[in-house]
Amino acid sequence: MAPTGLSPAESGEYPAQPGEGVAEPFTQLDEVIHRLAEEDPGLVPASGLGDDLRRLRSAVERMEAEFSRRLERFDRHQGYVPSGCCSAAGWLNEECRA
């Protein structure tokens, strides 16, 4: 949220148009995941990986919650229609293999 209590789209921090301006958070997320994938867990004692695992699980759960939040809006406002799909479930199956 922007400091005003508005979402980034509402505050003008990035445009609300689909696909415009929202790339930055996803670019950052991709970069962080890439850095994690480059780390060698073999350099850390196995007993020391517990904190990593807890933090990764927490991040996955938070991303799942964000996915669900966005999916709800995508479904409610029929964001799948331009793709030719007849439902959000059909779009998920085709586009996300879900």
PDB file of N, CA and C in Angstrom:
ATOM      1  N   MET A   1       0.832  -1.193   0.000  1.00  0.00           N
ATOM      2  CA  MET A   1       0.000   0.000   0.000  1.00  0.00           C
ATOM      3  C   MET A   1       0.871   1.249   0.000  1.00  0.00           C
ATOM      4  N   ALA A   2       0.408   2.242  -0.694  1.00  0.00           N
ATOM      5  CA  ALA A   2       1.077   3.526  -0.682  1.00  0.00           C
ATOM      6  C   ALA A   2       0.840   4.163   0.681  1.00  0.00           C
ATOM      7  N   PRO A   3       1.691   5.123   1.091  1.00  0.00           N
ATOM      8  CA  PRO A   3       1.565   5.721   2.418  1.00  0.00           C
ATOM      9  C   PRO A   3       0.200   6.335   2.685  1.00  0.00           C
ATOM     10  N   THR A   4      -0.533   6.731   1.653  1.00  0.00           N
ATOM     11  CA  THR A   4      -1.827   7.364   1.836  1.00  0.00           C
ATOM     12  C   THR A   4      -2.921   6.376   2.180  1.00  0.00           C
ATOM     13  N   GLY A   5      -2.605   5.079   2.198  1.00  0.00           N
ATOM     14  CA  GLY A   5      -3.618   4.063   2.431  1.00  0.00           C
ATOM     15  C   GLY A   5      -4.224   3.565   1.139  1.00  0.00           C
ATOM     16  N   LEU A   6      -3.821   4.150   0.022  1.00  0.00           N
ATOM     17  CA  LEU A   6      -4.304   3.722  -1.276  1.00  0.00           C
ATOM     18  C   LEU A   6      -3.378   2.658  -1.845  1.00  0.00           C
ATOM     19  N   SER A   7      -3.919   1.838  -2.724  1.00  0.00           N
ATOM     20  CA  SER A   7      -3.075   0.868  -3.408  1.00  0.00           C
ATOM     21  C   SER A   7      -2.158   1.621  -4.358  1.00  0.00           C
ATOM     22  N   PRO A   8      -1.068   0.993  -4.829  1.00  0.00           N
ATOM     23  CA  PRO A   8      -0.187   1.666  -5.787  1.00  0.00           C
ATOM     24  C   PRO A   8      -0.927   2.142  -7.030  1.00  0.00           C
ATOM     25  N   ALA A   9      -1.877   1.343  -7.525  1.00  0.00           N
ATOM     26  CA  ALA A   9      -2.639   1.762  -8.704  1.00  0.00           C
ATOM     27  C   ALA A   9      -3.496   2.987  -8.391  1.00  0.00           C
ATOM     28  N   GLU A  10      -4.144   2.983  -7.214  1.00  0.00           N
ATOM     29  CA  GLU A  10      -5.010   4.094  -6.835  1.00  0.00           C
ATOM     30  C   GLU A  10      -4.213   5.377  -6.602  1.00  0.00           C
ATOM     31  N   SER A  11      -3.000   5.253  -6.096  1.00  0.00           N
ATOM     32  CA  SER A  11      -2.195   6.431  -5.785  1.00  0.00           C
ATOM     33  C   SER A  11      -1.439   6.963  -6.997  1.00  0.00           C
ATOM     34  N   GLY A  12      -1.467   6.198  -8.097  1.00  0.00           N
ATOM     35  CA  GLY A  12      -0.713   6.612  -9.273  1.00  0.00           C
ATOM     36  C   GLY A  12       0.718   6.122  -9.261  1.00  0.00           C
ATOM     37  N   GLU A  13       1.081   5.332  -8.242  1.00  0.00           N
ATOM     38  CA  GLU A  13       2.437   4.784  -8.163  1.00  0.00           C
ATOM     39  C   GLU A  13       2.710   3.918  -9.385  1.00  0.00           C
ATOM     40  N   TYR A  14       1.704   3.187  -9.824  1.00  0.00           N
ATOM     41  CA  TYR A  14       1.761   2.549 -11.133  1.00  0.00           C
ATOM     42  C   TYR A  14       0.348   2.515 -11.694  1.00  0.00           C
ATOM     43  N   PRO A  15       0.230   2.525 -13.022  1.00  0.00           N
ATOM     44  CA  PRO A  15      -1.092   2.586 -13.654  1.00  0.00           C
ATOM     45  C   PRO A  15      -1.931   1.351 -13.350  1.00  0.00           C
ATOM     46  N   ALA A  16      -3.248   1.530 -13.379  1.00  0.00           N
ATOM     47  CA  ALA A  16      -4.165   0.439 -13.102  1.00  0.00           C
ATOM     48  C   ALA A  16      -4.489  -0.370 -14.351  1.00  0.00           C
ATOM     49  N   GLN A  17      -4.008   0.060 -15.505  1.00  0.00           N
ATOM     50  CA  GLN A  17      -4.301  -0.659 -16.735  1.00  0.00           C
ATOM     51  C   GLN A  17      -3.618  -2.020 -16.730  1.00  0.00           C
ATOM     52  N   PRO A  18      -4.318  -3.048 -17.213  1.00  0.00           N
ATOM     53  CA  PRO A  18      -3.733  -4.383 -17.222  1.00  0.00           C
ATOM     54  C   PRO A  18      -2.393  -4.424 -17.944  1.00  0.00           C
ATOM     55  N   GLY A  19      -1.415  -5.002 -17.287  1.00  0.00           N
ATOM     56  CA  GLY A  19      -0.116  -5.180 -17.903  1.00  0.00           C
ATOM     57  C   GLY A  19       0.770  -3.955 -17.922  1.00  0.00           C
ATOM     58  N   GLU A  20       0.274  -2.814 -17.461  1.00  0.00           N
ATOM     59  CA  GLU A  20       1.068  -1.586 -17.465  1.00  0.00           C
ATOM     60  C   GLU A  20       1.531  -1.259 -16.055  1.00  0.00           C
ATOM     61  N   GLY A  21       2.818  -1.088 -15.887  1.00  0.00           N
ATOM     62  CA  GLY A  21       3.341  -0.589 -14.630  1.00  0.00           C
ATOM     63  C   GLY A  21       3.434  -1.589 -13.505  1.00  0.00           C
ATOM     64  N   VAL A  22       2.852  -2.757 -13.650  1.00  0.00           N
ATOM     65  CA  VAL A  22       2.905  -3.727 -12.565  1.00  0.00           C
ATOM     66  C   VAL A  22       4.104  -4.650 -12.705  1.00  0.00           C
ATOM     67  N   ALA A  23       4.889  -4.481 -13.744  1.00  0.00           N
ATOM     68  CA  ALA A  23       6.027  -5.363 -13.974  1.00  0.00           C
ATOM     69  C   ALA A  23       7.083  -5.226 -12.891  1.00  0.00           C
ATOM     70  N   GLU A  24       7.266  -4.036 -12.342  1.00  0.00           N
ATOM     71  CA  GLU A  24       8.344  -3.817 -11.376  1.00  0.00           C
ATOM     72  C   GLU A  24       8.305  -4.781 -10.192  1.00  0.00           C
ATOM     73  N   PRO A  25       7.181  -4.950  -9.485  1.00  0.00           N
ATOM     74  CA  PRO A  25       7.190  -5.907  -8.377  1.00  0.00           C
ATOM     75  C   PRO A  25       7.502  -7.331  -8.852  1.00  0.00           C
ATOM     76  N   PHE A  26       6.999  -7.695 -10.013  1.00  0.00           N
ATOM     77  CA  PHE A  26       7.244  -9.042 -10.517  1.00  0.00           C
ATOM     78  C   PHE A  26       8.688  -9.205 -10.983  1.00  0.00           C
ATOM     79  N   THR A  27       9.270  -8.148 -11.523  1.00  0.00           N
ATOM     80  CA  THR A  27      10.684  -8.183 -11.893  1.00  0.00           C
ATOM     81  C   THR A  27      11.529  -8.379 -10.645  1.00  0.00           C
ATOM     82  N   GLN A  28      11.205  -7.650  -9.590  1.00  0.00           N
ATOM     83  CA  GLN A  28      11.936  -7.791  -8.332  1.00  0.00           C
ATOM     84  C   GLN A  28      11.770  -9.198  -7.767  1.00  0.00           C
ATOM     85  N   LEU A  29      10.557  -9.725  -7.820  1.00  0.00           N
ATOM     86  CA  LEU A  29      10.306 -11.074  -7.327  1.00  0.00           C
ATOM     87  C   LEU A  29      11.133 -12.086  -8.118  1.00  0.00           C
ATOM     88  N   ASP A  30      11.139 -11.958  -9.442  1.00  0.00           N
ATOM     89  CA  ASP A  30      11.941 -12.859 -10.282  1.00  0.00           C
ATOM     90  C   ASP A  30      13.420 -12.780  -9.924  1.00  0.00           C
ATOM     91  N   GLU A  31      13.909 -11.569  -9.683  1.00  0.00           N
ATOM     92  CA  GLU A  31      15.321 -11.388  -9.331  1.00  0.00           C
ATOM     93  C   GLU A  31      15.658 -12.067  -8.003  1.00  0.00           C
ATOM     94  N   VAL A  32      14.789 -11.923  -7.029  1.00  0.00           N
ATOM     95  CA  VAL A  32      15.028 -12.542  -5.720  1.00  0.00           C
ATOM     96  C   VAL A  32      15.012 -14.060  -5.849  1.00  0.00           C
ATOM     97  N   ILE A  33      14.043 -14.583  -6.582  1.00  0.00           N
ATOM     98  CA  ILE A  33      13.976 -16.040  -6.767  1.00  0.00           C
ATOM     99  C   ILE A  33      15.223 -16.536  -7.490  1.00  0.00           C
ATOM    100  N   HIS A  34      15.677 -15.782  -8.478  1.00  0.00           N
ATOM    101  CA  HIS A  34      16.892 -16.148  -9.205  1.00  0.00           C
ATOM    102  C   HIS A  34      18.097 -16.184  -8.255  1.00  0.00           C
ATOM    103  N   ARG A  35      18.204 -15.169  -7.389  1.00  0.00           N
ATOM    104  CA  ARG A  35      19.322 -15.143  -6.432  1.00  0.00           C
ATOM    105  C   ARG A  35      19.259 -16.330  -5.478  1.00  0.00           C
ATOM    106  N   LEU A  36      18.070 -16.666  -5.010  1.00  0.00           N
ATOM    107  CA  LEU A  36      17.922 -17.825  -4.128  1.00  0.00           C
ATOM    108  C   LEU A  36      18.326 -19.107  -4.848  1.00  0.00           C
ATOM    109  N   ALA A  37      17.928 -19.225  -6.116  1.00  0.00           N
ATOM    110  CA  ALA A  37      18.255 -20.425  -6.884  1.00  0.00           C
ATOM    111  C   ALA A  37      19.755 -20.550  -7.134  1.00  0.00           C
ATOM    112  N   GLU A  38      20.447 -19.419  -7.151  1.00  0.00           N
ATOM    113  CA  GLU A  38      21.896 -19.440  -7.361  1.00  0.00           C
ATOM    114  C   GLU A  38      22.664 -19.841  -6.104  1.00  0.00           C
ATOM    115  N   GLU A  39      22.042 -19.720  -4.944  1.00  0.00           N
ATOM    116  CA  GLU A  39      22.706 -20.089  -3.702  1.00  0.00           C
ATOM    117  C   GLU A  39      22.930 -21.600  -3.658  1.00  0.00           C
ATOM    118  N   ASP A  40      24.012 -22.012  -3.061  1.00  0.00           N
ATOM    119  CA  ASP A  40      24.315 -23.429  -2.911  1.00  0.00           C
ATOM    120  C   ASP A  40      23.967 -23.857  -1.490  1.00  0.00           C
ATOM    121  N   PRO A  41      22.841 -24.547  -1.305  1.00  0.00           N
ATOM    122  CA  PRO A  41      22.483 -24.967   0.050  1.00  0.00           C
ATOM    123  C   PRO A  41      23.487 -25.952   0.630  1.00  0.00           C
ATOM    124  N   GLY A  42      24.327 -26.520  -0.227  1.00  0.00           N
ATOM    125  CA  GLY A  42      25.363 -27.429   0.247  1.00  0.00           C
ATOM    126  C   GLY A  42      26.428 -26.734   1.073  1.00  0.00           C
ATOM    127  N   LEU A  43      26.467 -25.401   0.997  1.00  0.00           N
ATOM    128  CA  LEU A  43      27.451 -24.639   1.767  1.00  0.00           C
ATOM    129  C   LEU A  43      26.967 -24.338   3.183  1.00  0.00           C
ATOM    130  N   VAL A  44      25.707 -24.693   3.466  1.00  0.00           N
ATOM    131  CA  VAL A  44      25.122 -24.451   4.787  1.00  0.00           C
ATOM    132  C   VAL A  44      24.885 -25.809   5.443  1.00  0.00           C
ATOM    133  N   PRO A  45      25.230 -25.951   6.709  1.00  0.00           N
ATOM    134  CA  PRO A  45      24.927 -27.229   7.373  1.00  0.00           C
ATOM    135  C   PRO A  45      23.424 -27.510   7.282  1.00  0.00           C
ATOM    136  N   ALA A  46      23.069 -28.768   7.055  1.00  0.00           N
ATOM    137  CA  ALA A  46      21.657 -29.138   6.910  1.00  0.00           C
ATOM    138  C   ALA A  46      20.828 -28.627   8.083  1.00  0.00           C
ATOM    139  N   SER A  47      21.404 -28.657   9.275  1.00  0.00           N
ATOM    140  CA  SER A  47      20.669 -28.190  10.456  1.00  0.00           C
ATOM    141  C   SER A  47      20.409 -26.689  10.398  1.00  0.00           C
ATOM    142  N   GLY A  48      21.147 -25.977   9.588  1.00  0.00           N
ATOM    143  CA  GLY A  48      20.969 -24.536   9.468  1.00  0.00           C
ATOM    144  C   GLY A  48      19.958 -24.121   8.416  1.00  0.00           C
ATOM    145  N   LEU A  49      19.390 -25.091   7.698  1.00  0.00           N
ATOM    146  CA  LEU A  49      18.440 -24.770   6.637  1.00  0.00           C
ATOM    147  C   LEU A  49      17.008 -24.599   7.134  1.00  0.00           C
ATOM    148  N   GLY A  50      16.757 -24.927   8.391  1.00  0.00           N
ATOM    149  CA  GLY A  50      15.399 -24.826   8.929  1.00  0.00           C
ATOM    150  C   GLY A  50      14.815 -23.429   8.800  1.00  0.00           C
ATOM    151  N   ASP A  51      15.606 -22.409   9.131  1.00  0.00           N
ATOM    152  CA  ASP A  51      15.102 -21.038   9.027  1.00  0.00           C
ATOM    153  C   ASP A  51      14.775 -20.697   7.575  1.00  0.00           C
ATOM    154  N   ASP A  52      15.640 -21.115   6.641  1.00  0.00           N
ATOM    155  CA  ASP A  52      15.368 -20.892   5.222  1.00  0.00           C
ATOM    156  C   ASP A  52      14.046 -21.536   4.818  1.00  0.00           C
ATOM    157  N   LEU A  53      13.852 -22.774   5.253  1.00  0.00           N
ATOM    158  CA  LEU A  53      12.639 -23.504   4.879  1.00  0.00           C
ATOM    159  C   LEU A  53      11.388 -22.826   5.439  1.00  0.00           C
ATOM    160  N   ARG A  54      11.462 -22.377   6.703  1.00  0.00           N
ATOM    161  CA  ARG A  54      10.315 -21.670   7.288  1.00  0.00           C
ATOM    162  C   ARG A  54      10.005 -20.392   6.517  1.00  0.00           C
ATOM    163  N   ARG A  55      11.043 -19.650   6.179  1.00  0.00           N
ATOM    164  CA  ARG A  55      10.840 -18.382   5.465  1.00  0.00           C
ATOM    165  C   ARG A  55      10.340 -18.610   4.050  1.00  0.00           C
ATOM    166  N   LEU A  56      10.853 -19.633   3.385  1.00  0.00           N
ATOM    167  CA  LEU A  56      10.362 -19.945   2.042  1.00  0.00           C
ATOM    168  C   LEU A  56       8.895 -20.371   2.083  1.00  0.00           C
ATOM    169  N   ARG A  57       8.523 -21.220   3.054  1.00  0.00           N
ATOM    170  CA  ARG A  57       7.129 -21.655   3.173  1.00  0.00           C
ATOM    171  C   ARG A  57       6.221 -20.461   3.427  1.00  0.00           C
ATOM    172  N   SER A  58       6.651 -19.549   4.277  1.00  0.00           N
ATOM    173  CA  SER A  58       5.866 -18.348   4.551  1.00  0.00           C
ATOM    174  C   SER A  58       5.686 -17.521   3.278  1.00  0.00           C
ATOM    175  N   ALA A  59       6.749 -17.380   2.494  1.00  0.00           N
ATOM    176  CA  ALA A  59       6.673 -16.617   1.244  1.00  0.00           C
ATOM    177  C   ALA A  59       5.724 -17.288   0.258  1.00  0.00           C
ATOM    178  N   VAL A  60       5.784 -18.610   0.165  1.00  0.00           N
ATOM    179  CA  VAL A  60       4.884 -19.343  -0.732  1.00  0.00           C
ATOM    180  C   VAL A  60       3.434 -19.108  -0.314  1.00  0.00           C
ATOM    181  N   GLU A  61       3.161 -19.185   0.972  1.00  0.00           N
ATOM    182  CA  GLU A  61       1.797 -18.983   1.458  1.00  0.00           C
ATOM    183  C   GLU A  61       1.314 -17.567   1.178  1.00  0.00           C
ATOM    184  N   ARG A  62       2.189 -16.593   1.336  1.00  0.00           N
ATOM    185  CA  ARG A  62       1.817 -15.203   1.048  1.00  0.00           C
ATOM    186  C   ARG A  62       1.556 -15.016  -0.441  1.00  0.00           C
ATOM    187  N   MET A  63       2.369 -15.651  -1.285  1.00  0.00           N
ATOM    188  CA  MET A  63       2.149 -15.544  -2.731  1.00  0.00           C
ATOM    189  C   MET A  63       0.858 -16.245  -3.141  1.00  0.00           C
ATOM    190  N   GLU A  64       0.542 -17.371  -2.511  1.00  0.00           N
ATOM    191  CA  GLU A  64      -0.727 -18.058  -2.791  1.00  0.00           C
ATOM    192  C   GLU A  64      -1.911 -17.163  -2.420  1.00  0.00           C
ATOM    193  N   ALA A  65      -1.794 -16.469  -1.300  1.00  0.00           N
ATOM    194  CA  ALA A  65      -2.861 -15.555  -0.891  1.00  0.00           C
ATOM    195  C   ALA A  65      -3.008 -14.420  -1.899  1.00  0.00           C
ATOM    196  N   GLU A  66      -1.893 -13.889  -2.379  1.00  0.00           N
ATOM    197  CA  GLU A  66      -1.945 -12.820  -3.377  1.00  0.00           C
ATOM    198  C   GLU A  66      -2.512 -13.339  -4.697  1.00  0.00           C
ATOM    199  N   PHE A  67      -2.138 -14.553  -5.067  1.00  0.00           N
ATOM    200  CA  PHE A  67      -2.685 -15.176  -6.275  1.00  0.00           C
ATOM    201  C   PHE A  67      -4.206 -15.264  -6.152  1.00  0.00           C
ATOM    202  N   SER A  68      -4.688 -15.730  -5.009  1.00  0.00           N
ATOM    203  CA  SER A  68      -6.126 -15.867  -4.788  1.00  0.00           C
ATOM    204  C   SER A  68      -6.832 -14.521  -4.830  1.00  0.00           C
ATOM    205  N   ARG A  69      -6.207 -13.516  -4.250  1.00  0.00           N
ATOM    206  CA  ARG A  69      -6.799 -12.172  -4.243  1.00  0.00           C
ATOM    207  C   ARG A  69      -6.953 -11.647  -5.668  1.00  0.00           C
ATOM    208  N   ARG A  70      -5.923 -11.831  -6.485  1.00  0.00           N
ATOM    209  CA  ARG A  70      -5.977 -11.360  -7.870  1.00  0.00           C
ATOM    210  C   ARG A  70      -6.902 -12.223  -8.718  1.00  0.00           C
ATOM    211  N   LEU A  71      -6.924 -13.521  -8.454  1.00  0.00           N
ATOM    212  CA  LEU A  71      -7.809 -14.415  -9.192  1.00  0.00           C
ATOM    213  C   LEU A  71      -9.266 -14.058  -8.953  1.00  0.00           C
ATOM    214  N   GLU A  72      -9.594 -13.710  -7.731  1.00  0.00           N
ATOM    215  CA  GLU A  72     -10.981 -13.341  -7.429  1.00  0.00           C
ATOM    216  C   GLU A  72     -11.425 -12.163  -8.289  1.00  0.00           C
ATOM    217  N   ARG A  73     -10.595 -11.138  -8.402  1.00  0.00           N
ATOM    218  CA  ARG A  73     -10.933  -9.975  -9.231  1.00  0.00           C
ATOM    219  C   ARG A  73     -10.951 -10.353 -10.707  1.00  0.00           C
ATOM    220  N   PHE A  74      -9.976 -11.140 -11.149  1.00  0.00           N
ATOM    221  CA  PHE A  74      -9.892 -11.608 -12.535  1.00  0.00           C
ATOM    222  C   PHE A  74     -11.178 -12.342 -12.919  1.00  0.00           C
ATOM    223  N   ASP A  75     -11.653 -13.204 -12.024  1.00  0.00           N
ATOM    224  CA  ASP A  75     -12.871 -13.968 -12.273  1.00  0.00           C
ATOM    225  C   ASP A  75     -14.103 -13.065 -12.233  1.00  0.00           C
ATOM    226  N   ARG A  76     -14.211 -12.266 -11.182  1.00  0.00           N
ATOM    227  CA  ARG A  76     -15.384 -11.407 -11.011  1.00  0.00           C
ATOM    228  C   ARG A  76     -15.563 -10.451 -12.181  1.00  0.00           C
ATOM    229  N   HIS A  77     -14.465  -9.939 -12.720  1.00  0.00           N
ATOM    230  CA  HIS A  77     -14.539  -8.971 -13.814  1.00  0.00           C
ATOM    231  C   HIS A  77     -14.243  -9.602 -15.177  1.00  0.00           C
ATOM    232  N   GLN A  78     -14.271 -10.924 -15.232  1.00  0.00           N
ATOM    233  CA  GLN A  78     -14.118 -11.693 -16.468  1.00  0.00           C
ATOM    234  C   GLN A  78     -12.869 -11.301 -17.266  1.00  0.00           C
ATOM    235  N   GLY A  79     -11.744 -11.237 -16.567  1.00  0.00           N
ATOM    236  CA  GLY A  79     -10.483 -10.917 -17.213  1.00  0.00           C
ATOM    237  C   GLY A  79     -10.030 -11.950 -18.225  1.00  0.00           C
ATOM    238  N   TYR A  80     -10.649 -13.095 -18.226  1.00  0.00           N
ATOM    239  CA  TYR A  80     -10.316 -14.172 -19.150  1.00  0.00           C
ATOM    240  C   TYR A  80     -10.954 -14.005 -20.523  1.00  0.00           C
ATOM    241  N   VAL A  81     -11.970 -13.161 -20.659  1.00  0.00           N
ATOM    242  CA  VAL A  81     -12.717 -13.025 -21.909  1.00  0.00           C
ATOM    243  C   VAL A  81     -11.828 -12.677 -23.107  1.00  0.00           C
ATOM    244  N   PRO A  82     -10.896 -11.712 -23.024  1.00  0.00           N
ATOM    245  CA  PRO A  82     -10.079 -11.391 -24.206  1.00  0.00           C
ATOM    246  C   PRO A  82      -9.276 -12.574 -24.746  1.00  0.00           C
ATOM    247  N   SER A  83      -9.017 -13.567 -23.904  1.00  0.00           N
ATOM    248  CA  SER A  83      -8.237 -14.726 -24.349  1.00  0.00           C
ATOM    249  C   SER A  83      -9.087 -15.729 -25.119  1.00  0.00           C
ATOM    250  N   GLY A  84     -10.404 -15.545 -25.070  1.00  0.00           N
ATOM    251  CA  GLY A  84     -11.297 -16.484 -25.727  1.00  0.00           C
ATOM    252  C   GLY A  84     -11.770 -17.602 -24.817  1.00  0.00           C
ATOM    253  N   CYS A  85     -11.277 -17.623 -23.591  1.00  0.00           N
ATOM    254  CA  CYS A  85     -11.725 -18.640 -22.640  1.00  0.00           C
ATOM    255  C   CYS A  85     -13.111 -18.274 -22.125  1.00  0.00           C
ATOM    256  N   CYS A  86     -13.850 -19.294 -21.736  1.00  0.00           N
ATOM    257  CA  CYS A  86     -15.221 -19.085 -21.268  1.00  0.00           C
ATOM    258  C   CYS A  86     -15.324 -18.926 -19.756  1.00  0.00           C
ATOM    259  N   SER A  87     -14.227 -19.159 -19.048  1.00  0.00           N
ATOM    260  CA  SER A  87     -14.258 -19.049 -17.587  1.00  0.00           C
ATOM    261  C   SER A  87     -12.843 -18.843 -17.068  1.00  0.00           C
ATOM    262  N   ALA A  88     -12.776 -18.400 -15.821  1.00  0.00           N
ATOM    263  CA  ALA A  88     -11.475 -18.260 -15.180  1.00  0.00           C
ATOM    264  C   ALA A  88     -10.825 -19.634 -15.018  1.00  0.00           C
ATOM    265  N   ALA A  89     -11.641 -20.652 -14.716  1.00  0.00           N
ATOM    266  CA  ALA A  89     -11.103 -22.007 -14.571  1.00  0.00           C
ATOM    267  C   ALA A  89     -10.495 -22.482 -15.885  1.00  0.00           C
ATOM    268  N   GLY A  90     -11.170 -22.209 -17.001  1.00  0.00           N
ATOM    269  CA  GLY A  90     -10.637 -22.580 -18.302  1.00  0.00           C
ATOM    270  C   GLY A  90      -9.351 -21.840 -18.599  1.00  0.00           C
ATOM    271  N   TRP A  91      -9.320 -20.559 -18.261  1.00  0.00           N
ATOM    272  CA  TRP A  91      -8.104 -19.755 -18.487  1.00  0.00           C
ATOM    273  C   TRP A  91      -6.950 -20.310 -17.640  1.00  0.00           C
ATOM    274  N   LEU A  92      -7.219 -20.613 -16.366  1.00  0.00           N
ATOM    275  CA  LEU A  92      -6.178 -21.167 -15.486  1.00  0.00           C
ATOM    276  C   LEU A  92      -5.637 -22.481 -16.052  1.00  0.00           C
ATOM    277  N   ASN A  93      -6.532 -23.313 -16.545  1.00  0.00           N
ATOM    278  CA  ASN A  93      -6.117 -24.592 -17.112  1.00  0.00           C
ATOM    279  C   ASN A  93      -5.230 -24.385 -18.328  1.00  0.00           C
ATOM    280  N   GLU A  94      -5.619 -23.450 -19.182  1.00  0.00           N
ATOM    281  CA  GLU A  94      -4.879 -23.203 -20.412  1.00  0.00           C
ATOM    282  C   GLU A  94      -3.574 -22.428 -20.191  1.00  0.00           C
ATOM    283  N   GLU A  95      -3.631 -21.407 -19.364  1.00  0.00           N
ATOM    284  CA  GLU A  95      -2.500 -20.498 -19.207  1.00  0.00           C
ATOM    285  C   GLU A  95      -1.556 -20.867 -18.064  1.00  0.00           C
ATOM    286  N   CYS A  96      -2.073 -21.495 -17.030  1.00  0.00           N
ATOM    287  CA  CYS A  96      -1.264 -21.779 -15.840  1.00  0.00           C
ATOM    288  C   CYS A  96      -1.138 -23.266 -15.550  1.00  0.00           C
ATOM    289  N   ARG A  97      -1.689 -24.069 -16.387  1.00  0.00           N
ATOM    290  CA  ARG A  97      -1.684 -25.530 -16.176  1.00  0.00           C
ATOM    291  C   ARG A  97      -2.220 -25.882 -14.790  1.00  0.00           C
ATOM    292  N   ALA A  98      -3.233 -25.146 -14.377  1.00  0.00           N
ATOM    293  CA  ALA A  98      -3.799 -25.372 -13.047  1.00  0.00           C
ATOM    294  C   ALA A  98      -5.183 -26.000 -13.157  1.00  0.00           C
TER     295      ALA A  98
END
